[in-house]
Amino acid sequence: MPLFQLFLVAVIQGITEFLPVSSSGHLILLPRLSGLQDQGQVIDVAVHVGTLFAVILYFWIDVRMALFGLMRLVRGKVDTQGAFLALCLVIATVPVVIAGLVLNVTGLDDAMRSVAVIGWTMILFGLVLYWADRTGPEVRTDREWTLRHAFTMGLWQAVALVPGTSRSGITITAARRLGYDRHGAAKLAMLMSIPTILASGVLLGAEVVVTADAQAARDGAIAALFAFLSALLALAVMMRLLRSVSFTPYVIYRCILGVILLWIAYA
């Protein structure tokens, strides 16, 4: 695959994975609107790995705490903050894993990969994010996460399997409705992305590992590096901006792009 396309795919994935604008929607649209060949599952896995390492590095203190907590959780102990965080992340991941397996087995995931679907979900869930951000109280921080809220946010996260919804966007929406401040809502959404991206990467990786060759591995490594760097930058910028800026700019972008996509789909 040409270096320019690897760079383009990786940067789009890296930037949009954690912004509430839908990375899967952008990656589906890229080959359809640009005329470029579909990047294929090897590159999809690679860019997901790149973004996974970016979020792990950015939130390393919390990730390390959850990893140590996971070891205690495996032994049946939930007696530390890390163990409780690990339990919340496990509970939040269960709905999307189940829903993802169902969609994959039934083939519905491919059926939803259309420009019209992405256009409608861009607009609809952008407006839902705007509503939640404007009406949701800011009475909780990410340190006040509960098991019930983790499961609720996990159910909302499962909706993001519909292309164009945005995994980070829908989980941020849920957190804002539950009363978490903007920074805390975004942080919880990013932490929830780690097991989710890992699960999807394992699922996709299992399907391509037997077909990948040396060239595909080289392309994947390049794409992963570009995705890692762009995702790390996007994360840093968004988390800093959220201390003073709302989610409205992302909503405006979603609605504009959604209208354009619907025009393309129905014109």
C-alpha atoms as a PDB file:
ATOM      1  CA  MET A   1       0.000   0.000   0.000  1.00  0.00           C
ATOM      2  CA  PRO A   2       1.355   3.484  -0.844  1.00  0.00           C
ATOM      3  CA  LEU A   3       2.962   5.343   2.055  1.00  0.00           C
ATOM      4  CA  PHE A   4       0.607   8.304   1.578  1.00  0.00           C
ATOM      5  CA  GLN A   5      -2.474   6.115   2.026  1.00  0.00           C
ATOM      6  CA  LEU A   6      -0.979   4.445   5.103  1.00  0.00           C
ATOM      7  CA  PHE A   7      -0.320   7.888   6.553  1.00  0.00           C
ATOM      8  CA  LEU A   8      -3.822   9.113   5.674  1.00  0.00           C
ATOM      9  CA  VAL A   9      -5.603   6.101   7.179  1.00  0.00           C
ATOM     10  CA  ALA A  10      -3.461   6.144  10.318  1.00  0.00           C
ATOM     11  CA  VAL A  11      -3.867   9.868  10.966  1.00  0.00           C
ATOM     12  CA  ILE A  12      -7.635   9.730  10.411  1.00  0.00           C
ATOM     13  CA  GLN A  13      -7.909   6.778  12.809  1.00  0.00           C
ATOM     14  CA  GLY A  14      -5.578   8.354  15.345  1.00  0.00           C
ATOM     15  CA  ILE A  15      -7.362  11.700  15.460  1.00  0.00           C
ATOM     16  CA  THR A  16     -10.950  10.475  15.267  1.00  0.00           C
ATOM     17  CA  GLU A  17     -10.687   7.441  17.591  1.00  0.00           C
ATOM     18  CA  PHE A  18     -10.852   9.595  20.710  1.00  0.00           C
ATOM     19  CA  LEU A  19     -12.693  12.641  19.425  1.00  0.00           C
ATOM     20  CA  PRO A  20     -16.511  12.264  19.500  1.00  0.00           C
ATOM     21  CA  VAL A  21     -16.770  12.184  15.686  1.00  0.00           C
ATOM     22  CA  SER A  22     -16.586   8.421  14.862  1.00  0.00           C
ATOM     23  CA  SER A  23     -13.341   6.870  13.634  1.00  0.00           C
ATOM     24  CA  SER A  24     -15.060   3.873  12.011  1.00  0.00           C
ATOM     25  CA  GLY A  25     -17.347   6.196  10.065  1.00  0.00           C
ATOM     26  CA  HIS A  26     -14.385   8.138   8.681  1.00  0.00           C
ATOM     27  CA  LEU A  27     -12.445   4.976   7.772  1.00  0.00           C
ATOM     28  CA  ILE A  28     -15.457   3.504   5.968  1.00  0.00           C
ATOM     29  CA  LEU A  29     -15.964   6.738   4.057  1.00  0.00           C
ATOM     30  CA  LEU A  30     -12.313   7.210   3.043  1.00  0.00           C
ATOM     31  CA  PRO A  31     -12.160   4.618   0.220  1.00  0.00           C
ATOM     32  CA  ARG A  32     -15.745   5.337  -0.878  1.00  0.00           C
ATOM     33  CA  LEU A  33     -15.286   9.087  -1.236  1.00  0.00           C
ATOM     34  CA  SER A  34     -11.632   9.248  -2.297  1.00  0.00           C
ATOM     35  CA  GLY A  35     -11.423   6.384  -4.774  1.00  0.00           C
ATOM     36  CA  LEU A  36      -8.558   4.805  -2.812  1.00  0.00           C
ATOM     37  CA  GLN A  37      -8.570   1.059  -2.299  1.00  0.00           C
ATOM     38  CA  ASP A  38      -9.983  -0.235   0.982  1.00  0.00           C
ATOM     39  CA  GLN A  39      -7.161  -0.437   3.515  1.00  0.00           C
ATOM     40  CA  GLY A  40      -8.130  -3.967   4.587  1.00  0.00           C
ATOM     41  CA  GLN A  41      -8.246  -5.632   7.984  1.00  0.00           C
ATOM     42  CA  VAL A  42      -4.478  -5.811   8.517  1.00  0.00           C
ATOM     43  CA  ILE A  43      -4.244  -2.028   8.510  1.00  0.00           C
ATOM     44  CA  ASP A  44      -7.432  -1.758  10.583  1.00  0.00           C
ATOM     45  CA  VAL A  45      -5.833  -3.925  13.264  1.00  0.00           C
ATOM     46  CA  ALA A  46      -2.563  -1.981  13.079  1.00  0.00           C
ATOM     47  CA  VAL A  47      -4.108   1.463  13.537  1.00  0.00           C
ATOM     48  CA  HIS A  48      -6.215   0.162  16.419  1.00  0.00           C
ATOM     49  CA  VAL A  49      -3.034  -1.116  18.089  1.00  0.00           C
ATOM     50  CA  GLY A  50      -1.432   2.292  17.566  1.00  0.00           C
ATOM     51  CA  THR A  51      -4.312   4.143  19.208  1.00  0.00           C
ATOM     52  CA  LEU A  52      -4.408   1.571  22.016  1.00  0.00           C
ATOM     53  CA  PHE A  53      -0.793   2.303  22.951  1.00  0.00           C
ATOM     54  CA  ALA A  54      -1.490   6.044  22.763  1.00  0.00           C
ATOM     55  CA  VAL A  55      -4.324   5.964  25.296  1.00  0.00           C
ATOM     56  CA  ILE A  56      -2.380   3.595  27.560  1.00  0.00           C
ATOM     57  CA  LEU A  57       0.609   5.962  27.573  1.00  0.00           C
ATOM     58  CA  TYR A  58      -1.504   9.092  28.105  1.00  0.00           C
ATOM     59  CA  PHE A  59      -3.415   7.600  31.055  1.00  0.00           C
ATOM     60  CA  TRP A  60      -0.553   5.411  32.279  1.00  0.00           C
ATOM     61  CA  ILE A  61      -1.048   6.228  35.976  1.00  0.00           C
ATOM     62  CA  ASP A  62      -4.666   5.032  35.872  1.00  0.00           C
ATOM     63  CA  VAL A  63      -3.830   2.100  33.598  1.00  0.00           C
ATOM     64  CA  ARG A  64      -1.060   0.905  35.908  1.00  0.00           C
ATOM     65  CA  MET A  65      -3.399   1.193  38.890  1.00  0.00           C
ATOM     66  CA  ALA A  66      -6.060  -0.835  37.051  1.00  0.00           C
ATOM     67  CA  LEU A  67      -3.528  -3.497  36.017  1.00  0.00           C
ATOM     68  CA  PHE A  68      -2.390  -4.020  39.602  1.00  0.00           C
ATOM     69  CA  GLY A  69      -6.038  -3.961  40.630  1.00  0.00           C
ATOM     70  CA  LEU A  70      -6.872  -6.590  38.004  1.00  0.00           C
ATOM     71  CA  MET A  71      -4.441  -8.986  39.648  1.00  0.00           C
ATOM     72  CA  ARG A  72      -6.263  -8.550  42.947  1.00  0.00           C
ATOM     73  CA  LEU A  73      -9.620  -8.839  41.169  1.00  0.00           C
ATOM     74  CA  VAL A  74      -8.593 -12.187  39.697  1.00  0.00           C
ATOM     75  CA  ARG A  75      -7.992 -13.387  43.260  1.00  0.00           C
ATOM     76  CA  GLY A  76     -11.500 -12.280  44.196  1.00  0.00           C
ATOM     77  CA  LYS A  77     -10.472  -9.137  46.059  1.00  0.00           C
ATOM     78  CA  VAL A  78     -11.934  -5.683  45.406  1.00  0.00           C
ATOM     79  CA  ASP A  79     -10.206  -3.927  48.286  1.00  0.00           C
ATOM     80  CA  THR A  80      -8.221  -1.231  46.474  1.00  0.00           C
ATOM     81  CA  GLN A  81      -9.038   1.689  44.192  1.00  0.00           C
ATOM     82  CA  GLY A  82      -7.261  -0.096  41.347  1.00  0.00           C
ATOM     83  CA  ALA A  83      -9.258  -3.283  41.822  1.00  0.00           C
ATOM     84  CA  PHE A  84     -12.507  -1.336  41.804  1.00  0.00           C
ATOM     85  CA  LEU A  85     -11.460   0.533  38.633  1.00  0.00           C
ATOM     86  CA  ALA A  86     -10.581  -2.781  36.973  1.00  0.00           C
ATOM     87  CA  LEU A  87     -13.973  -4.214  37.941  1.00  0.00           C
ATOM     88  CA  CYS A  88     -15.765  -1.159  36.526  1.00  0.00           C
ATOM     89  CA  LEU A  89     -13.867  -1.496  33.240  1.00  0.00           C
ATOM     90  CA  VAL A  90     -14.714  -5.197  32.982  1.00  0.00           C
ATOM     91  CA  ILE A  91     -18.401  -4.509  33.613  1.00  0.00           C
ATOM     92  CA  ALA A  92     -18.409  -1.616  31.117  1.00  0.00           C
ATOM     93  CA  THR A  93     -16.858  -3.827  28.408  1.00  0.00           C
ATOM     94  CA  VAL A  94     -19.215  -6.806  28.628  1.00  0.00           C
ATOM     95  CA  PRO A  95     -22.163  -5.267  26.673  1.00  0.00           C
ATOM     96  CA  VAL A  96     -20.067  -4.168  23.684  1.00  0.00           C
ATOM     97  CA  VAL A  97     -18.273  -7.535  23.480  1.00  0.00           C
ATOM     98  CA  ILE A  98     -21.578  -9.430  23.439  1.00  0.00           C
ATOM     99  CA  ALA A  99     -23.148  -7.042  20.926  1.00  0.00           C
ATOM    100  CA  GLY A 100     -20.032  -7.149  18.738  1.00  0.00           C
ATOM    101  CA  LEU A 101     -20.022 -10.936  18.604  1.00  0.00           C
ATOM    102  CA  VAL A 102     -23.726 -10.986  17.682  1.00  0.00           C
ATOM    103  CA  LEU A 103     -23.234  -8.465  14.872  1.00  0.00           C
ATOM    104  CA  ASN A 104     -20.163 -10.293  13.584  1.00  0.00           C
ATOM    105  CA  VAL A 105     -21.855 -13.712  13.536  1.00  0.00           C
ATOM    106  CA  THR A 106     -25.066 -12.421  11.920  1.00  0.00           C
ATOM    107  CA  GLY A 107     -23.266 -10.236   9.371  1.00  0.00           C
ATOM    108  CA  LEU A 108     -25.220  -7.157  10.409  1.00  0.00           C
ATOM    109  CA  ASP A 109     -22.000  -5.207  10.936  1.00  0.00           C
ATOM    110  CA  ASP A 110     -21.327  -5.235   7.179  1.00  0.00           C
ATOM    111  CA  ALA A 111     -24.959  -4.389   6.380  1.00  0.00           C
ATOM    112  CA  MET A 112     -24.702  -1.138   8.355  1.00  0.00           C
ATOM    113  CA  ARG A 113     -21.571   0.128   6.593  1.00  0.00           C
ATOM    114  CA  SER A 114     -23.351   2.578   4.292  1.00  0.00           C
ATOM    115  CA  VAL A 115     -23.000   6.310   3.650  1.00  0.00           C
ATOM    116  CA  ALA A 116     -26.662   6.898   4.512  1.00  0.00           C
ATOM    117  CA  VAL A 117     -26.385   5.134   7.879  1.00  0.00           C
ATOM    118  CA  ILE A 118     -23.254   7.093   8.774  1.00  0.00           C
ATOM    119  CA  GLY A 119     -24.901  10.363   7.734  1.00  0.00           C
ATOM    120  CA  TRP A 120     -27.951   9.802   9.941  1.00  0.00           C
ATOM    121  CA  THR A 121     -25.960   8.599  12.949  1.00  0.00           C
ATOM    122  CA  MET A 122     -23.538  11.515  12.637  1.00  0.00           C
ATOM    123  CA  ILE A 123     -26.403  13.981  12.974  1.00  0.00           C
ATOM    124  CA  LEU A 124     -28.576  12.077  15.454  1.00  0.00           C
ATOM    125  CA  PHE A 125     -25.898  11.215  17.997  1.00  0.00           C
ATOM    126  CA  GLY A 126     -24.240  14.595  17.549  1.00  0.00           C
ATOM    127  CA  LEU A 127     -27.480  16.256  18.653  1.00  0.00           C
ATOM    128  CA  VAL A 128     -27.822  13.773  21.536  1.00  0.00           C
ATOM    129  CA  LEU A 129     -24.297  14.698  22.671  1.00  0.00           C
ATOM    130  CA  TYR A 130     -25.201  18.402  22.502  1.00  0.00           C
ATOM    131  CA  TRP A 131     -28.353  17.793  24.570  1.00  0.00           C
ATOM    132  CA  ALA A 132     -26.489  15.748  27.185  1.00  0.00           C
ATOM    133  CA  ASP A 133     -23.655  18.240  27.432  1.00  0.00           C
ATOM    134  CA  ARG A 134     -26.028  21.191  27.834  1.00  0.00           C
ATOM    135  CA  THR A 135     -28.453  19.580  30.283  1.00  0.00           C
ATOM    136  CA  GLY A 136     -26.253  17.156  32.218  1.00  0.00           C
ATOM    137  CA  PRO A 137     -25.158  18.412  35.648  1.00  0.00           C
ATOM    138  CA  GLU A 138     -21.463  18.501  36.549  1.00  0.00           C
ATOM    139  CA  VAL A 139     -21.647  17.007  40.028  1.00  0.00           C
ATOM    140  CA  ARG A 140     -19.280  14.012  39.734  1.00  0.00           C
ATOM    141  CA  THR A 141     -15.643  13.434  38.814  1.00  0.00           C
ATOM    142  CA  ASP A 142     -14.119  10.305  37.309  1.00  0.00           C
ATOM    143  CA  ARG A 143     -13.022   9.260  40.826  1.00  0.00           C
ATOM    144  CA  GLU A 144     -16.699   8.779  41.731  1.00  0.00           C
ATOM    145  CA  TRP A 145     -17.398   6.111  39.108  1.00  0.00           C
ATOM    146  CA  THR A 146     -19.819   3.407  40.294  1.00  0.00           C
ATOM    147  CA  LEU A 147     -20.562  -0.128  39.117  1.00  0.00           C
ATOM    148  CA  ARG A 148     -24.079   0.878  38.071  1.00  0.00           C
ATOM    149  CA  HIS A 149     -22.766   3.796  36.041  1.00  0.00           C
ATOM    150  CA  ALA A 150     -20.089   1.584  34.484  1.00  0.00           C
ATOM    151  CA  PHE A 151     -22.728  -0.862  33.271  1.00  0.00           C
ATOM    152  CA  THR A 152     -24.972   1.969  32.015  1.00  0.00           C
ATOM    153  CA  MET A 153     -22.111   3.522  30.072  1.00  0.00           C
ATOM    154  CA  GLY A 154     -21.240   0.068  28.741  1.00  0.00           C
ATOM    155  CA  LEU A 155     -24.758  -0.300  27.320  1.00  0.00           C
ATOM    156  CA  TRP A 156     -24.443   3.067  25.616  1.00  0.00           C
ATOM    157  CA  GLN A 157     -21.005   2.064  24.295  1.00  0.00           C
ATOM    158  CA  ALA A 158     -22.524  -0.964  22.570  1.00  0.00           C
ATOM    159  CA  VAL A 159     -24.608   1.419  20.428  1.00  0.00           C
ATOM    160  CA  ALA A 160     -21.328   2.691  18.947  1.00  0.00           C
ATOM    161  CA  LEU A 161     -21.073  -0.520  16.899  1.00  0.00           C
ATOM    162  CA  VAL A 162     -23.420   1.245  14.494  1.00  0.00           C
ATOM    163  CA  PRO A 163     -21.019   3.115  12.147  1.00  0.00           C
ATOM    164  CA  GLY A 164     -20.991   6.874  12.597  1.00  0.00           C
ATOM    165  CA  THR A 165     -22.146   6.789  16.219  1.00  0.00           C
ATOM    166  CA  SER A 166     -18.661   7.292  17.763  1.00  0.00           C
ATOM    167  CA  ARG A 167     -17.580   5.139  20.682  1.00  0.00           C
ATOM    168  CA  SER A 168     -16.034   8.024  22.575  1.00  0.00           C
ATOM    169  CA  GLY A 169     -18.958  10.303  21.712  1.00  0.00           C
ATOM    170  CA  ILE A 170     -21.671   7.970  22.974  1.00  0.00           C
ATOM    171  CA  THR A 171     -19.829   7.110  26.205  1.00  0.00           C
ATOM    172  CA  ILE A 172     -19.146  10.793  26.872  1.00  0.00           C
ATOM    173  CA  THR A 173     -22.851  11.441  26.249  1.00  0.00           C
ATOM    174  CA  ALA A 174     -23.791   8.785  28.802  1.00  0.00           C
ATOM    175  CA  ALA A 175     -21.312  10.122  31.366  1.00  0.00           C
ATOM    176  CA  ARG A 176     -22.562  13.691  30.983  1.00  0.00           C
ATOM    177  CA  ARG A 177     -26.164  12.556  31.498  1.00  0.00           C
ATOM    178  CA  LEU A 178     -25.035  10.725  34.641  1.00  0.00           C
ATOM    179  CA  GLY A 179     -23.596  13.969  36.015  1.00  0.00           C
ATOM    180  CA  TYR A 180     -19.856  13.649  35.348  1.00  0.00           C
ATOM    181  CA  ASP A 181     -17.969  16.832  34.475  1.00  0.00           C
ATOM    182  CA  ARG A 182     -16.622  17.165  30.929  1.00  0.00           C
ATOM    183  CA  HIS A 183     -13.044  16.242  31.771  1.00  0.00           C
ATOM    184  CA  GLY A 184     -14.131  13.276  33.903  1.00  0.00           C
ATOM    185  CA  ALA A 185     -16.599  12.081  31.253  1.00  0.00           C
ATOM    186  CA  ALA A 186     -13.904  12.149  28.578  1.00  0.00           C
ATOM    187  CA  LYS A 187     -11.384  10.401  30.833  1.00  0.00           C
ATOM    188  CA  LEU A 188     -13.805   7.575  31.646  1.00  0.00           C
ATOM    189  CA  ALA A 189     -14.627   7.214  27.944  1.00  0.00           C
ATOM    190  CA  MET A 190     -10.917   6.950  27.116  1.00  0.00           C
ATOM    191  CA  LEU A 191     -10.260   4.373  29.841  1.00  0.00           C
ATOM    192  CA  MET A 192     -13.245   2.351  28.609  1.00  0.00           C
ATOM    193  CA  SER A 193     -11.706   2.378  25.139  1.00  0.00           C
ATOM    194  CA  ILE A 194      -8.696   0.320  26.262  1.00  0.00           C
ATOM    195  CA  PRO A 195     -10.404  -3.070  26.829  1.00  0.00           C
ATOM    196  CA  THR A 196     -12.816  -2.338  23.955  1.00  0.00           C
ATOM    197  CA  ILE A 197     -10.055  -1.631  21.426  1.00  0.00           C
ATOM    198  CA  LEU A 198      -8.122  -4.619  22.771  1.00  0.00           C
ATOM    199  CA  ALA A 199     -11.151  -6.894  22.310  1.00  0.00           C
ATOM    200  CA  SER A 200     -11.828  -5.677  18.765  1.00  0.00           C
ATOM    201  CA  GLY A 201      -8.133  -5.943  17.916  1.00  0.00           C
ATOM    202  CA  VAL A 202      -8.028  -9.559  19.091  1.00  0.00           C
ATOM    203  CA  LEU A 203     -11.159 -10.355  17.077  1.00  0.00           C
ATOM    204  CA  LEU A 204      -9.837  -8.759  13.899  1.00  0.00           C
ATOM    205  CA  GLY A 205      -6.306 -10.016  14.480  1.00  0.00           C
ATOM    206  CA  ALA A 206      -7.463 -13.608  14.741  1.00  0.00           C
ATOM    207  CA  GLU A 207      -8.997 -13.273  11.275  1.00  0.00           C
ATOM    208  CA  VAL A 208      -5.921 -11.832   9.542  1.00  0.00           C
ATOM    209  CA  VAL A 209      -2.951 -13.436  11.297  1.00  0.00           C
ATOM    210  CA  VAL A 210      -2.967 -16.437   8.963  1.00  0.00           C
ATOM    211  CA  THR A 211      -3.017 -14.292   5.818  1.00  0.00           C
ATOM    212  CA  ALA A 212      -0.560 -11.526   6.709  1.00  0.00           C
ATOM    213  CA  ASP A 213       2.790 -11.581   4.886  1.00  0.00           C
ATOM    214  CA  ALA A 214       6.018  -9.595   5.328  1.00  0.00           C
ATOM    215  CA  GLN A 215       4.792  -6.681   3.228  1.00  0.00           C
ATOM    216  CA  ALA A 216       1.519  -6.491   5.139  1.00  0.00           C
ATOM    217  CA  ALA A 217       3.418  -6.615   8.434  1.00  0.00           C
ATOM    218  CA  ARG A 218       5.661  -3.729   7.326  1.00  0.00           C
ATOM    219  CA  ASP A 219       2.665  -1.638   6.244  1.00  0.00           C
ATOM    220  CA  GLY A 220       0.936  -2.441   9.519  1.00  0.00           C
ATOM    221  CA  ALA A 221       3.926  -1.331  11.585  1.00  0.00           C
ATOM    222  CA  ILE A 222       4.120   1.995   9.730  1.00  0.00           C
ATOM    223  CA  ALA A 223       0.382   2.570  10.092  1.00  0.00           C
ATOM    224  CA  ALA A 224       0.515   1.725  13.812  1.00  0.00           C
ATOM    225  CA  LEU A 225       3.289   4.272  14.396  1.00  0.00           C
ATOM    226  CA  PHE A 226       1.449   7.061  12.550  1.00  0.00           C
ATOM    227  CA  ALA A 227      -1.787   6.214  14.400  1.00  0.00           C
ATOM    228  CA  PHE A 228       0.010   6.223  17.749  1.00  0.00           C
ATOM    229  CA  LEU A 229       1.534   9.675  17.216  1.00  0.00           C
ATOM    230  CA  SER A 230      -1.644  11.285  15.871  1.00  0.00           C
ATOM    231  CA  ALA A 231      -3.817   9.728  18.602  1.00  0.00           C
ATOM    232  CA  LEU A 232      -1.466  10.908  21.341  1.00  0.00           C
ATOM    233  CA  LEU A 233      -1.575  14.447  19.968  1.00  0.00           C
ATOM    234  CA  ALA A 234      -5.373  14.406  19.587  1.00  0.00           C
ATOM    235  CA  LEU A 235      -5.796  13.135  23.145  1.00  0.00           C
ATOM    236  CA  ALA A 236      -3.539  15.797  24.615  1.00  0.00           C
ATOM    237  CA  VAL A 237      -5.273  18.616  22.736  1.00  0.00           C
ATOM    238  CA  MET A 238      -8.817  17.449  23.518  1.00  0.00           C
ATOM    239  CA  MET A 239      -8.227  16.844  27.227  1.00  0.00           C
ATOM    240  CA  ARG A 240      -6.618  20.271  27.569  1.00  0.00           C
ATOM    241  CA  LEU A 241      -9.387  22.050  25.648  1.00  0.00           C
ATOM    242  CA  LEU A 242     -12.148  20.403  27.684  1.00  0.00           C
ATOM    243  CA  ARG A 243     -11.132  22.451  30.706  1.00  0.00           C
ATOM    244  CA  SER A 244     -12.466  25.541  28.940  1.00  0.00           C
ATOM    245  CA  VAL A 245     -14.400  24.436  25.820  1.00  0.00           C
ATOM    246  CA  SER A 246     -17.617  22.395  25.511  1.00  0.00           C
ATOM    247  CA  PHE A 247     -18.345  19.589  23.029  1.00  0.00           C
ATOM    248  CA  THR A 248     -20.303  21.958  20.764  1.00  0.00           C
ATOM    249  CA  PRO A 249     -17.546  22.309  18.087  1.00  0.00           C
ATOM    250  CA  TYR A 250     -17.577  18.517  17.609  1.00  0.00           C
ATOM    251  CA  VAL A 251     -21.383  18.545  17.359  1.00  0.00           C
ATOM    252  CA  ILE A 252     -21.263  21.221  14.651  1.00  0.00           C
ATOM    253  CA  TYR A 253     -18.691  19.201  12.706  1.00  0.00           C
ATOM    254  CA  ARG A 254     -20.786  16.043  12.998  1.00  0.00           C
ATOM    255  CA  CYS A 255     -23.939  17.768  11.768  1.00  0.00           C
ATOM    256  CA  ILE A 256     -22.205  19.422   8.799  1.00  0.00           C
ATOM    257  CA  LEU A 257     -20.547  16.156   7.757  1.00  0.00           C
ATOM    258  CA  GLY A 258     -23.816  14.272   8.277  1.00  0.00           C
ATOM    259  CA  VAL A 259     -25.725  16.623   5.977  1.00  0.00           C
ATOM    260  CA  ILE A 260     -23.048  16.281   3.301  1.00  0.00           C
ATOM    261  CA  LEU A 261     -23.143  12.486   3.555  1.00  0.00           C
ATOM    262  CA  LEU A 262     -26.945  12.378   3.304  1.00  0.00           C
ATOM    263  CA  TRP A 263     -26.768  14.591   0.227  1.00  0.00           C
ATOM    264  CA  ILE A 264     -24.232  12.192  -1.320  1.00  0.00           C
ATOM    265  CA  ALA A 265     -26.330   9.153  -0.354  1.00  0.00           C
ATOM    266  CA  TYR A 266     -29.659  10.426  -1.677  1.00  0.00           C
ATOM    267  CA  ALA A 267     -28.716  12.840  -4.476  1.00  0.00           C
END
